[in-house]
Amino acid sequence: VSTPQQRRNGETDIRMATYTRGQPSPSLRDAKLGRPMVIEIIEKKFEYLRKEKTLNIYGTLTLGTTAGFSGILANFIFRHCFKVKHDALKTYASLTTLPFLSTIVAYKLLVTDALYSGNISKENCVLRSSLVGIVCGILYPSSLAFSKNGRLAVRYHTVPLPPKGRVLLHWMLLCQTEIKAMVIPLVFQTMFGILIGLQHYSLFEKTLAKTVHED
């Protein structure tokens, strides 16, 4: 037979057990408190990455657009030099789209992918960006315009045909004065390449620093 003291102790144990079952454990409380913090950190990281991606796209599109304008200028210069009047829409379309697309692809492969892999420094990033602007925005559209309009000039006999063995020299002498105008887009492409490379690397460093700090 239990004594009154034992019965009181038993009732106290039952009430404590009931109270304990009704309250969440410390681990559950910590999990509930920590979950919003984790979600907030993830949302901030996505926001940083979204901003970086947006600015990166704008910079790449700017460099590609200037390359397209360089292609238009190069096509105009060589059509004037070779006195070509045919296939204007076709040549202008190709000289606008091809430099633009080549700049976008080259910048992604040589700058963006290398930057995210952590294989290039700030100086290397700027150098690659400026080289993409020069090669894809000046050299490529100039050679493309020279080739396309040179073929049209030969086909329609708009200029005297070059003598044998001196084909390239003949064409270069024919348009050496007008081609100097390509120095203007060369300067712009170099400047844009340097600025976009600096901006992209700086933005990448800031995003990386914020992400590491919050981790």
N, C-alpha and C. Protein backbone atom coordinates (compact mmCIF):
# COMPACT_ATOMS: atom_id res chain seq x y z
N VAL A 1 0.86 -1.18 0.00
CA VAL A 1 0.00 0.00 0.00
C VAL A 1 0.90 1.23 0.00
N SER A 2 0.61 2.16 -0.94
CA SER A 2 1.45 3.36 -1.05
C SER A 2 1.04 4.37 0.00
N THR A 3 2.00 5.07 0.47
CA THR A 3 1.77 6.11 1.47
C THR A 3 1.33 7.39 0.78
N PRO A 4 0.76 8.35 1.52
CA PRO A 4 0.37 9.64 0.91
C PRO A 4 1.53 10.36 0.26
N GLN A 5 2.73 10.26 0.86
CA GLN A 5 3.91 10.93 0.28
C GLN A 5 4.25 10.35 -1.08
N GLN A 6 4.16 9.01 -1.21
CA GLN A 6 4.47 8.36 -2.48
C GLN A 6 3.45 8.74 -3.54
N ARG A 7 2.15 8.85 -3.11
CA ARG A 7 1.14 9.23 -4.09
C ARG A 7 1.38 10.65 -4.60
N ARG A 8 1.78 11.57 -3.69
CA ARG A 8 2.06 12.94 -4.12
C ARG A 8 3.25 12.98 -5.08
N ASN A 9 4.28 12.19 -4.79
CA ASN A 9 5.44 12.15 -5.69
C ASN A 9 5.06 11.60 -7.06
N GLY A 10 4.19 10.60 -7.08
CA GLY A 10 3.75 10.03 -8.36
C GLY A 10 2.97 11.02 -9.18
N GLU A 11 2.08 11.79 -8.52
CA GLU A 11 1.32 12.80 -9.25
C GLU A 11 2.23 13.88 -9.81
N THR A 12 3.27 14.25 -9.02
CA THR A 12 4.22 15.27 -9.51
C THR A 12 4.97 14.77 -10.74
N ASP A 13 5.38 13.48 -10.71
CA ASP A 13 6.10 12.92 -11.86
C ASP A 13 5.22 12.90 -13.10
N ILE A 14 3.94 12.57 -12.91
CA ILE A 14 3.02 12.53 -14.06
C ILE A 14 2.85 13.91 -14.66
N ARG A 15 2.69 14.95 -13.79
CA ARG A 15 2.53 16.31 -14.30
C ARG A 15 3.78 16.78 -15.02
N MET A 16 4.96 16.44 -14.50
CA MET A 16 6.21 16.83 -15.15
C MET A 16 6.37 16.15 -16.49
N ALA A 17 6.00 14.87 -16.56
CA ALA A 17 6.09 14.14 -17.82
C ALA A 17 5.15 14.73 -18.85
N THR A 18 3.92 15.07 -18.38
CA THR A 18 2.96 15.68 -19.30
C THR A 18 3.45 17.02 -19.80
N TYR A 19 4.03 17.83 -18.93
CA TYR A 19 4.55 19.14 -19.31
C TYR A 19 5.70 19.01 -20.29
N THR A 20 6.55 18.00 -20.02
CA THR A 20 7.70 17.80 -20.90
C THR A 20 7.26 17.38 -22.28
N ARG A 21 6.24 16.50 -22.35
CA ARG A 21 5.75 16.08 -23.66
C ARG A 21 5.09 17.23 -24.40
N GLY A 22 4.52 18.16 -23.71
CA GLY A 22 3.84 19.28 -24.36
C GLY A 22 4.78 20.35 -24.86
N GLN A 23 6.03 20.37 -24.40
CA GLN A 23 7.00 21.38 -24.81
C GLN A 23 7.95 20.80 -25.85
N PRO A 24 8.34 21.61 -26.85
CA PRO A 24 9.31 21.12 -27.83
C PRO A 24 10.69 20.99 -27.21
N SER A 25 11.44 20.04 -27.73
CA SER A 25 12.79 19.82 -27.23
C SER A 25 13.71 20.95 -27.67
N PRO A 26 14.85 21.15 -26.98
CA PRO A 26 15.77 22.23 -27.38
C PRO A 26 16.25 22.09 -28.81
N SER A 27 16.48 20.87 -29.28
CA SER A 27 16.95 20.70 -30.65
C SER A 27 15.90 21.13 -31.66
N LEU A 28 14.62 20.84 -31.35
CA LEU A 28 13.56 21.27 -32.26
C LEU A 28 13.42 22.78 -32.27
N ARG A 29 13.56 23.40 -31.09
CA ARG A 29 13.48 24.87 -31.05
C ARG A 29 14.62 25.49 -31.84
N ASP A 30 15.82 24.94 -31.71
CA ASP A 30 16.96 25.47 -32.46
C ASP A 30 16.75 25.31 -33.96
N ALA A 31 16.17 24.16 -34.33
CA ALA A 31 15.94 23.93 -35.76
C ALA A 31 14.92 24.92 -36.32
N LYS A 32 13.86 25.18 -35.50
CA LYS A 32 12.84 26.13 -35.96
C LYS A 32 13.39 27.54 -36.06
N LEU A 33 14.28 27.90 -35.13
CA LEU A 33 14.87 29.23 -35.18
C LEU A 33 15.92 29.34 -36.28
N GLY A 34 16.64 28.24 -36.56
CA GLY A 34 17.71 28.29 -37.55
C GLY A 34 17.22 28.23 -38.98
N ARG A 35 16.04 27.65 -39.20
CA ARG A 35 15.54 27.49 -40.56
C ARG A 35 15.32 28.83 -41.27
N PRO A 36 14.67 29.82 -40.64
CA PRO A 36 14.54 31.12 -41.34
C PRO A 36 15.88 31.78 -41.64
N MET A 37 16.87 31.60 -40.77
CA MET A 37 18.18 32.18 -41.02
C MET A 37 18.83 31.54 -42.25
N VAL A 38 18.71 30.23 -42.37
CA VAL A 38 19.28 29.54 -43.53
C VAL A 38 18.60 29.99 -44.81
N ILE A 39 17.27 30.10 -44.76
CA ILE A 39 16.52 30.55 -45.94
C ILE A 39 16.92 31.96 -46.33
N GLU A 40 17.11 32.83 -45.32
CA GLU A 40 17.51 34.21 -45.61
C GLU A 40 18.89 34.27 -46.25
N ILE A 41 19.83 33.46 -45.75
CA ILE A 41 21.17 33.44 -46.33
C ILE A 41 21.13 32.95 -47.77
N ILE A 42 20.35 31.91 -48.02
CA ILE A 42 20.24 31.38 -49.39
C ILE A 42 19.63 32.42 -50.32
N GLU A 43 18.60 33.12 -49.83
CA GLU A 43 17.98 34.16 -50.66
C GLU A 43 18.96 35.28 -50.97
N LYS A 44 19.78 35.66 -50.00
CA LYS A 44 20.77 36.71 -50.24
C LYS A 44 21.81 36.26 -51.26
N LYS A 45 22.22 35.00 -51.16
CA LYS A 45 23.20 34.49 -52.13
C LYS A 45 22.63 34.50 -53.54
N PHE A 46 21.37 34.08 -53.66
CA PHE A 46 20.74 34.10 -54.97
C PHE A 46 20.61 35.53 -55.49
N GLU A 47 20.36 36.47 -54.59
CA GLU A 47 20.24 37.87 -54.99
C GLU A 47 21.58 38.40 -55.48
N TYR A 48 22.67 38.07 -54.77
CA TYR A 48 24.00 38.48 -55.21
C TYR A 48 24.33 37.90 -56.58
N LEU A 49 24.06 36.61 -56.73
CA LEU A 49 24.37 35.96 -58.00
C LEU A 49 23.52 36.52 -59.13
N ARG A 50 22.26 36.86 -58.83
CA ARG A 50 21.39 37.41 -59.86
C ARG A 50 21.89 38.78 -60.31
N LYS A 51 22.29 39.61 -59.34
CA LYS A 51 22.82 40.93 -59.70
C LYS A 51 24.11 40.81 -60.50
N GLU A 52 24.98 39.90 -60.08
CA GLU A 52 26.25 39.72 -60.79
C GLU A 52 25.99 39.23 -62.21
N LYS A 53 25.08 38.28 -62.35
CA LYS A 53 24.78 37.74 -63.68
C LYS A 53 24.18 38.81 -64.57
N THR A 54 23.30 39.65 -64.00
CA THR A 54 22.67 40.71 -64.79
C THR A 54 23.70 41.71 -65.28
N LEU A 55 24.57 42.18 -64.37
CA LEU A 55 25.60 43.13 -64.77
C LEU A 55 26.59 42.52 -65.74
N ASN A 56 26.89 41.25 -65.55
CA ASN A 56 27.81 40.57 -66.46
C ASN A 56 27.21 40.48 -67.86
N ILE A 57 25.92 40.18 -67.94
CA ILE A 57 25.24 40.11 -69.24
C ILE A 57 25.24 41.48 -69.91
N TYR A 58 24.97 42.53 -69.13
CA TYR A 58 24.97 43.87 -69.70
C TYR A 58 26.35 44.24 -70.26
N GLY A 59 27.40 43.91 -69.52
CA GLY A 59 28.74 44.21 -69.99
C GLY A 59 29.10 43.45 -71.25
N THR A 60 28.76 42.16 -71.28
CA THR A 60 29.05 41.35 -72.46
C THR A 60 28.25 41.83 -73.66
N LEU A 61 26.99 42.18 -73.44
CA LEU A 61 26.17 42.69 -74.54
C LEU A 61 26.70 44.03 -75.06
N THR A 62 27.22 44.85 -74.15
CA THR A 62 27.80 46.12 -74.58
C THR A 62 29.01 45.90 -75.47
N LEU A 63 29.88 44.98 -75.06
CA LEU A 63 31.06 44.68 -75.86
C LEU A 63 30.67 44.06 -77.20
N GLY A 64 29.66 43.20 -77.19
CA GLY A 64 29.20 42.60 -78.44
C GLY A 64 28.53 43.62 -79.36
N THR A 65 27.79 44.56 -78.76
CA THR A 65 27.13 45.59 -79.57
C THR A 65 28.15 46.50 -80.24
N THR A 66 29.18 46.90 -79.52
CA THR A 66 30.22 47.73 -80.13
C THR A 66 30.96 46.96 -81.23
N ALA A 67 31.10 45.65 -81.05
CA ALA A 67 31.70 44.84 -82.11
C ALA A 67 30.81 44.82 -83.35
N GLY A 68 29.50 44.78 -83.14
CA GLY A 68 28.57 44.84 -84.27
C GLY A 68 28.67 46.16 -85.01
N PHE A 69 28.78 47.26 -84.27
CA PHE A 69 28.95 48.57 -84.92
C PHE A 69 30.28 48.65 -85.67
N SER A 70 31.31 48.03 -85.12
CA SER A 70 32.59 48.00 -85.82
C SER A 70 32.46 47.23 -87.13
N GLY A 71 31.67 46.15 -87.11
CA GLY A 71 31.43 45.41 -88.34
C GLY A 71 30.71 46.24 -89.38
N ILE A 72 29.75 47.04 -88.94
CA ILE A 72 29.03 47.92 -89.87
C ILE A 72 29.99 48.93 -90.49
N LEU A 73 30.84 49.53 -89.65
CA LEU A 73 31.81 50.50 -90.16
C LEU A 73 32.80 49.86 -91.12
N ALA A 74 33.29 48.67 -90.76
CA ALA A 74 34.24 47.98 -91.64
C ALA A 74 33.60 47.63 -92.98
N ASN A 75 32.36 47.20 -92.94
CA ASN A 75 31.66 46.87 -94.19
C ASN A 75 31.47 48.11 -95.06
N PHE A 76 31.13 49.22 -94.42
CA PHE A 76 30.95 50.46 -95.17
C PHE A 76 32.27 50.90 -95.82
N ILE A 77 33.36 50.79 -95.07
CA ILE A 77 34.66 51.22 -95.59
C ILE A 77 35.08 50.38 -96.79
N PHE A 78 34.98 49.07 -96.67
CA PHE A 78 35.45 48.21 -97.75
C PHE A 78 34.51 48.24 -98.95
N ARG A 79 33.24 48.43 -98.73
CA ARG A 79 32.33 48.58 -99.87
C ARG A 79 32.64 49.86 -100.63
N HIS A 80 33.00 50.90 -99.90
CA HIS A 80 33.38 52.15 -100.55
C HIS A 80 34.71 52.00 -101.30
N CYS A 81 35.66 51.32 -100.69
CA CYS A 81 36.96 51.13 -101.34
C CYS A 81 36.84 50.31 -102.61
N PHE A 82 36.05 49.25 -102.55
CA PHE A 82 35.93 48.35 -103.69
C PHE A 82 34.81 48.74 -104.64
N LYS A 83 34.11 49.85 -104.31
CA LYS A 83 33.03 50.36 -105.16
C LYS A 83 31.95 49.31 -105.42
N VAL A 84 31.64 48.58 -104.37
CA VAL A 84 30.65 47.51 -104.46
C VAL A 84 29.26 48.07 -104.16
N LYS A 85 28.29 47.73 -105.02
CA LYS A 85 26.91 48.17 -104.82
C LYS A 85 25.95 47.00 -104.63
N HIS A 86 26.42 45.80 -104.75
CA HIS A 86 25.55 44.63 -104.73
C HIS A 86 25.55 43.99 -103.33
N ASP A 87 24.46 43.26 -103.05
CA ASP A 87 24.31 42.47 -101.81
C ASP A 87 24.58 43.30 -100.55
N ALA A 88 24.03 44.50 -100.52
CA ALA A 88 24.28 45.36 -99.36
C ALA A 88 23.65 44.79 -98.09
N LEU A 89 22.39 44.36 -98.19
CA LEU A 89 21.70 43.84 -97.01
C LEU A 89 22.38 42.58 -96.47
N LYS A 90 22.80 41.73 -97.37
CA LYS A 90 23.43 40.48 -96.97
C LYS A 90 24.75 40.72 -96.24
N THR A 91 25.56 41.61 -96.79
CA THR A 91 26.86 41.86 -96.15
C THR A 91 26.70 42.61 -94.83
N TYR A 92 25.79 43.57 -94.78
CA TYR A 92 25.60 44.30 -93.53
C TYR A 92 25.02 43.40 -92.44
N ALA A 93 24.14 42.49 -92.82
CA ALA A 93 23.56 41.58 -91.82
C ALA A 93 24.63 40.66 -91.24
N SER A 94 25.46 40.10 -92.09
CA SER A 94 26.50 39.19 -91.60
C SER A 94 27.57 39.93 -90.82
N LEU A 95 27.92 41.14 -91.26
CA LEU A 95 28.96 41.92 -90.56
C LEU A 95 28.46 42.51 -89.25
N THR A 96 27.16 42.46 -89.01
CA THR A 96 26.63 42.91 -87.73
C THR A 96 26.47 41.75 -86.75
N THR A 97 25.89 40.66 -87.23
CA THR A 97 25.57 39.55 -86.33
C THR A 97 26.80 38.70 -85.97
N LEU A 98 27.65 38.42 -86.94
CA LEU A 98 28.78 37.52 -86.67
C LEU A 98 29.78 38.10 -85.66
N PRO A 99 30.20 39.37 -85.77
CA PRO A 99 31.07 39.91 -84.71
C PRO A 99 30.38 39.96 -83.35
N PHE A 100 29.08 40.25 -83.34
CA PHE A 100 28.35 40.29 -82.08
C PHE A 100 28.35 38.91 -81.41
N LEU A 101 27.98 37.88 -82.16
CA LEU A 101 27.92 36.53 -81.59
C LEU A 101 29.30 36.01 -81.22
N SER A 102 30.28 36.28 -82.04
CA SER A 102 31.64 35.80 -81.73
C SER A 102 32.18 36.45 -80.46
N THR A 103 31.84 37.71 -80.24
CA THR A 103 32.28 38.40 -79.02
C THR A 103 31.62 37.79 -77.79
N ILE A 104 30.32 37.51 -77.87
CA ILE A 104 29.60 36.92 -76.74
C ILE A 104 30.19 35.55 -76.38
N VAL A 105 30.39 34.72 -77.39
CA VAL A 105 30.90 33.36 -77.14
C VAL A 105 32.34 33.41 -76.63
N ALA A 106 33.18 34.22 -77.27
CA ALA A 106 34.59 34.30 -76.86
C ALA A 106 34.73 34.85 -75.45
N TYR A 107 33.93 35.84 -75.10
CA TYR A 107 34.02 36.41 -73.75
C TYR A 107 33.60 35.38 -72.70
N LYS A 108 32.57 34.62 -73.00
CA LYS A 108 32.14 33.60 -72.04
C LYS A 108 33.21 32.53 -71.84
N LEU A 109 33.80 32.08 -72.94
CA LEU A 109 34.78 31.00 -72.85
C LEU A 109 36.10 31.47 -72.24
N LEU A 110 36.56 32.64 -72.64
CA LEU A 110 37.89 33.08 -72.23
C LEU A 110 37.91 33.88 -70.94
N VAL A 111 36.80 34.52 -70.60
CA VAL A 111 36.78 35.39 -69.42
C VAL A 111 35.86 34.84 -68.33
N THR A 112 34.58 34.69 -68.66
CA THR A 112 33.61 34.32 -67.63
C THR A 112 33.89 32.94 -67.05
N ASP A 113 34.05 31.94 -67.91
CA ASP A 113 34.29 30.58 -67.41
C ASP A 113 35.62 30.49 -66.66
N ALA A 114 36.64 31.15 -67.18
CA ALA A 114 37.94 31.13 -66.49
C ALA A 114 37.88 31.85 -65.15
N LEU A 115 37.08 32.91 -65.07
CA LEU A 115 36.96 33.66 -63.82
C LEU A 115 36.26 32.84 -62.76
N TYR A 116 35.20 32.15 -63.12
CA TYR A 116 34.48 31.34 -62.14
C TYR A 116 35.25 30.09 -61.74
N SER A 117 36.16 29.66 -62.57
CA SER A 117 36.99 28.52 -62.19
C SER A 117 38.16 28.94 -61.31
N GLY A 118 38.39 30.26 -61.17
CA GLY A 118 39.44 30.77 -60.31
C GLY A 118 40.84 30.64 -60.88
N ASN A 119 40.95 30.59 -62.21
CA ASN A 119 42.25 30.36 -62.83
C ASN A 119 42.93 31.63 -63.32
N ILE A 120 42.30 32.79 -63.20
CA ILE A 120 42.90 34.01 -63.74
C ILE A 120 42.92 35.10 -62.67
N SER A 121 43.90 35.97 -62.79
CA SER A 121 44.03 37.10 -61.89
C SER A 121 43.29 38.31 -62.46
N LYS A 122 43.36 39.41 -61.74
CA LYS A 122 42.69 40.63 -62.20
C LYS A 122 43.32 41.13 -63.50
N GLU A 123 44.65 41.14 -63.55
CA GLU A 123 45.33 41.61 -64.76
C GLU A 123 45.03 40.71 -65.95
N ASN A 124 45.01 39.41 -65.69
CA ASN A 124 44.72 38.46 -66.76
C ASN A 124 43.28 38.61 -67.25
N CYS A 125 42.37 38.88 -66.34
CA CYS A 125 40.97 39.08 -66.72
C CYS A 125 40.82 40.31 -67.61
N VAL A 126 41.47 41.40 -67.24
CA VAL A 126 41.41 42.63 -68.04
C VAL A 126 42.07 42.41 -69.40
N LEU A 127 43.20 41.71 -69.41
CA LEU A 127 43.89 41.45 -70.67
C LEU A 127 43.03 40.61 -71.61
N ARG A 128 42.42 39.57 -71.08
CA ARG A 128 41.57 38.72 -71.91
C ARG A 128 40.36 39.49 -72.44
N SER A 129 39.77 40.30 -71.59
CA SER A 129 38.61 41.07 -72.02
C SER A 129 38.96 42.05 -73.13
N SER A 130 40.08 42.73 -72.99
CA SER A 130 40.49 43.68 -74.03
C SER A 130 40.86 42.96 -75.32
N LEU A 131 41.49 41.80 -75.22
CA LEU A 131 41.84 41.04 -76.42
C LEU A 131 40.60 40.54 -77.14
N VAL A 132 39.59 40.13 -76.38
CA VAL A 132 38.33 39.73 -77.01
C VAL A 132 37.73 40.91 -77.77
N GLY A 133 37.77 42.10 -77.16
CA GLY A 133 37.24 43.27 -77.84
C GLY A 133 38.01 43.61 -79.11
N ILE A 134 39.34 43.46 -79.08
CA ILE A 134 40.15 43.80 -80.25
C ILE A 134 40.00 42.76 -81.36
N VAL A 135 40.12 41.49 -80.98
CA VAL A 135 40.10 40.43 -82.00
C VAL A 135 38.70 40.28 -82.60
N CYS A 136 37.69 40.15 -81.72
CA CYS A 136 36.33 39.91 -82.22
C CYS A 136 35.64 41.19 -82.68
N GLY A 137 36.12 42.34 -82.21
CA GLY A 137 35.46 43.60 -82.56
C GLY A 137 36.16 44.40 -83.63
N ILE A 138 37.42 44.08 -83.94
CA ILE A 138 38.15 44.84 -84.95
C ILE A 138 38.74 43.93 -86.02
N LEU A 139 39.59 43.01 -85.61
CA LEU A 139 40.29 42.18 -86.59
C LEU A 139 39.34 41.26 -87.35
N TYR A 140 38.45 40.61 -86.61
CA TYR A 140 37.53 39.68 -87.28
C TYR A 140 36.57 40.39 -88.23
N PRO A 141 35.87 41.46 -87.82
CA PRO A 141 34.97 42.12 -88.78
C PRO A 141 35.72 42.77 -89.94
N SER A 142 36.93 43.26 -89.70
CA SER A 142 37.70 43.87 -90.79
C SER A 142 38.08 42.82 -91.84
N SER A 143 38.58 41.68 -91.37
CA SER A 143 38.95 40.63 -92.32
C SER A 143 37.72 40.05 -93.01
N LEU A 144 36.60 39.96 -92.29
CA LEU A 144 35.38 39.45 -92.89
C LEU A 144 34.84 40.40 -93.95
N ALA A 145 34.85 41.70 -93.64
CA ALA A 145 34.40 42.69 -94.63
C ALA A 145 35.32 42.72 -95.84
N PHE A 146 36.62 42.62 -95.60
CA PHE A 146 37.59 42.58 -96.70
C PHE A 146 37.34 41.38 -97.61
N SER A 147 37.10 40.23 -97.01
CA SER A 147 36.89 39.02 -97.79
C SER A 147 35.59 39.07 -98.59
N LYS A 148 34.50 39.42 -97.93
CA LYS A 148 33.20 39.42 -98.60
C LYS A 148 33.14 40.45 -99.72
N ASN A 149 33.56 41.66 -99.44
CA ASN A 149 33.47 42.71 -100.45
C ASN A 149 34.54 42.54 -101.53
N GLY A 150 35.66 41.93 -101.18
CA GLY A 150 36.66 41.63 -102.21
C GLY A 150 36.13 40.64 -103.23
N ARG A 151 35.42 39.62 -102.76
CA ARG A 151 34.82 38.66 -103.69
C ARG A 151 33.79 39.33 -104.59
N LEU A 152 32.98 40.21 -103.99
CA LEU A 152 31.98 40.91 -104.80
C LEU A 152 32.65 41.82 -105.83
N ALA A 153 33.75 42.45 -105.44
CA ALA A 153 34.46 43.32 -106.39
C ALA A 153 35.02 42.53 -107.56
N VAL A 154 35.53 41.34 -107.27
CA VAL A 154 36.05 40.49 -108.34
C VAL A 154 34.92 39.97 -109.22
N ARG A 155 33.81 39.59 -108.59
CA ARG A 155 32.69 39.03 -109.35
C ARG A 155 32.07 40.06 -110.29
N TYR A 156 31.89 41.28 -109.81
CA TYR A 156 31.21 42.30 -110.62
C TYR A 156 32.19 43.28 -111.28
N HIS A 157 33.48 43.04 -111.14
CA HIS A 157 34.52 43.84 -111.81
C HIS A 157 34.36 45.33 -111.50
N THR A 158 34.20 45.64 -110.23
CA THR A 158 34.05 47.04 -109.84
C THR A 158 35.39 47.75 -109.67
N VAL A 159 36.46 47.01 -109.52
CA VAL A 159 37.81 47.58 -109.41
C VAL A 159 38.74 46.77 -110.30
N PRO A 160 39.90 47.33 -110.67
CA PRO A 160 40.85 46.57 -111.49
C PRO A 160 41.34 45.33 -110.75
N LEU A 161 41.45 44.24 -111.47
CA LEU A 161 41.92 43.01 -110.86
C LEU A 161 43.40 43.10 -110.53
N PRO A 162 43.81 42.48 -109.44
CA PRO A 162 45.22 42.57 -109.04
C PRO A 162 46.11 41.74 -109.96
N PRO A 163 47.37 42.15 -110.11
CA PRO A 163 48.31 41.34 -110.89
C PRO A 163 48.66 40.05 -110.16
N LYS A 164 49.12 39.08 -110.90
CA LYS A 164 49.46 37.80 -110.30
C LYS A 164 50.64 37.94 -109.35
N GLY A 165 50.50 37.29 -108.19
CA GLY A 165 51.58 37.30 -107.20
C GLY A 165 51.55 38.48 -106.25
N ARG A 166 50.69 39.45 -106.49
CA ARG A 166 50.63 40.63 -105.61
C ARG A 166 49.17 40.95 -105.27
N VAL A 167 48.41 39.92 -105.01
CA VAL A 167 46.98 40.10 -104.79
C VAL A 167 46.72 40.87 -103.50
N LEU A 168 47.27 40.40 -102.39
CA LEU A 168 47.02 41.03 -101.10
C LEU A 168 47.54 42.46 -101.07
N LEU A 169 48.74 42.67 -101.60
CA LEU A 169 49.31 44.01 -101.62
C LEU A 169 48.46 44.97 -102.45
N HIS A 170 47.93 44.46 -103.55
CA HIS A 170 47.08 45.29 -104.41
C HIS A 170 45.83 45.74 -103.66
N TRP A 171 45.19 44.82 -102.96
CA TRP A 171 43.97 45.17 -102.23
C TRP A 171 44.27 46.12 -101.08
N MET A 172 45.38 45.92 -100.40
CA MET A 172 45.72 46.78 -99.27
C MET A 172 46.04 48.20 -99.74
N LEU A 173 46.74 48.32 -100.86
CA LEU A 173 47.03 49.65 -101.39
C LEU A 173 45.76 50.35 -101.87
N LEU A 174 44.80 49.55 -102.29
CA LEU A 174 43.57 50.11 -102.81
C LEU A 174 42.74 50.79 -101.71
N CYS A 175 42.84 50.28 -100.49
CA CYS A 175 42.00 50.82 -99.42
C CYS A 175 42.81 51.24 -98.20
N GLN A 176 44.08 51.58 -98.39
CA GLN A 176 44.92 51.91 -97.24
C GLN A 176 44.51 53.22 -96.58
N THR A 177 43.97 54.15 -97.34
CA THR A 177 43.57 55.43 -96.75
C THR A 177 42.31 55.30 -95.91
N GLU A 178 41.30 54.64 -96.46
CA GLU A 178 40.02 54.53 -95.75
C GLU A 178 40.10 53.62 -94.54
N ILE A 179 40.98 52.62 -94.61
CA ILE A 179 41.04 51.65 -93.51
C ILE A 179 41.59 52.27 -92.23
N LYS A 180 42.23 53.43 -92.34
CA LYS A 180 42.73 54.10 -91.14
C LYS A 180 41.59 54.53 -90.22
N ALA A 181 40.39 54.63 -90.77
CA ALA A 181 39.24 55.00 -89.93
C ALA A 181 38.92 53.93 -88.89
N MET A 182 39.42 52.70 -89.09
CA MET A 182 39.17 51.63 -88.12
C MET A 182 39.95 51.84 -86.82
N VAL A 183 40.82 52.85 -86.80
CA VAL A 183 41.53 53.16 -85.55
C VAL A 183 40.55 53.64 -84.49
N ILE A 184 39.50 54.32 -84.92
CA ILE A 184 38.51 54.84 -83.96
C ILE A 184 37.80 53.71 -83.21
N PRO A 185 37.20 52.73 -83.91
CA PRO A 185 36.61 51.62 -83.15
C PRO A 185 37.64 50.78 -82.41
N LEU A 186 38.89 50.76 -82.89
CA LEU A 186 39.93 50.03 -82.17
C LEU A 186 40.14 50.62 -80.77
N VAL A 187 40.17 51.94 -80.69
CA VAL A 187 40.33 52.60 -79.39
C VAL A 187 39.13 52.31 -78.50
N PHE A 188 37.93 52.42 -79.07
CA PHE A 188 36.73 52.18 -78.28
C PHE A 188 36.64 50.73 -77.79
N GLN A 189 36.95 49.80 -78.66
CA GLN A 189 36.89 48.39 -78.27
C GLN A 189 37.90 48.07 -77.17
N THR A 190 39.08 48.65 -77.27
CA THR A 190 40.09 48.43 -76.23
C THR A 190 39.64 49.00 -74.90
N MET A 191 39.10 50.22 -74.93
CA MET A 191 38.63 50.85 -73.69
C MET A 191 37.47 50.08 -73.08
N PHE A 192 36.50 49.70 -73.91
CA PHE A 192 35.36 48.94 -73.41
C PHE A 192 35.81 47.60 -72.84
N GLY A 193 36.75 46.94 -73.51
CA GLY A 193 37.25 45.67 -73.01
C GLY A 193 37.90 45.79 -71.65
N ILE A 194 38.71 46.83 -71.47
CA ILE A 194 39.38 47.05 -70.18
C ILE A 194 38.36 47.36 -69.08
N LEU A 195 37.43 48.26 -69.37
CA LEU A 195 36.44 48.66 -68.36
C LEU A 195 35.53 47.50 -67.97
N ILE A 196 35.08 46.74 -68.96
CA ILE A 196 34.19 45.62 -68.67
C ILE A 196 34.93 44.53 -67.90
N GLY A 197 36.19 44.29 -68.25
CA GLY A 197 36.98 43.31 -67.51
C GLY A 197 37.19 43.72 -66.06
N LEU A 198 37.49 44.99 -65.82
CA LEU A 198 37.65 45.49 -64.46
C LEU A 198 36.35 45.38 -63.67
N GLN A 199 35.26 45.78 -64.30
CA GLN A 199 33.96 45.72 -63.62
C GLN A 199 33.57 44.29 -63.29
N HIS A 200 33.78 43.40 -64.23
CA HIS A 200 33.40 42.00 -64.02
C HIS A 200 34.22 41.38 -62.89
N TYR A 201 35.52 41.64 -62.87
CA TYR A 201 36.36 41.06 -61.83
C TYR A 201 36.02 41.65 -60.46
N SER A 202 35.79 42.96 -60.41
CA SER A 202 35.44 43.60 -59.14
C SER A 202 34.12 43.06 -58.61
N LEU A 203 33.15 42.90 -59.48
CA LEU A 203 31.85 42.37 -59.05
C LEU A 203 31.97 40.94 -58.59
N PHE A 204 32.78 40.16 -59.27
CA PHE A 204 32.99 38.77 -58.87
C PHE A 204 33.65 38.69 -57.49
N GLU A 205 34.62 39.54 -57.23
CA GLU A 205 35.28 39.55 -55.92
C GLU A 205 34.32 39.94 -54.81
N LYS A 206 33.48 40.95 -55.05
CA LYS A 206 32.52 41.38 -54.03
C LYS A 206 31.52 40.27 -53.72
N THR A 207 31.02 39.63 -54.75
CA THR A 207 30.06 38.55 -54.55
C THR A 207 30.68 37.40 -53.79
N LEU A 208 31.91 37.06 -54.16
CA LEU A 208 32.60 35.96 -53.48
C LEU A 208 32.87 36.30 -52.02
N ALA A 209 33.27 37.54 -51.75
CA ALA A 209 33.56 37.95 -50.37
C ALA A 209 32.29 37.93 -49.51
N LYS A 210 31.18 38.39 -50.05
CA LYS A 210 29.92 38.38 -49.29
C LYS A 210 29.45 36.96 -49.02
N THR A 211 29.61 36.10 -50.01
CA THR A 211 29.18 34.72 -49.83
C THR A 211 30.02 34.01 -48.78
N VAL A 212 31.33 34.20 -48.82
CA VAL A 212 32.21 33.57 -47.84
C VAL A 212 31.97 34.13 -46.45
N HIS A 213 31.72 35.44 -46.35
CA HIS A 213 31.48 36.07 -45.05
C HIS A 213 30.22 35.54 -44.40
N GLU A 214 29.18 35.32 -45.18
CA GLU A 214 27.92 34.85 -44.61
C GLU A 214 27.97 33.37 -44.28
N ASP A 215 28.87 32.63 -44.97
CA ASP A 215 29.01 31.22 -44.61
C ASP A 215 29.60 31.07 -43.22
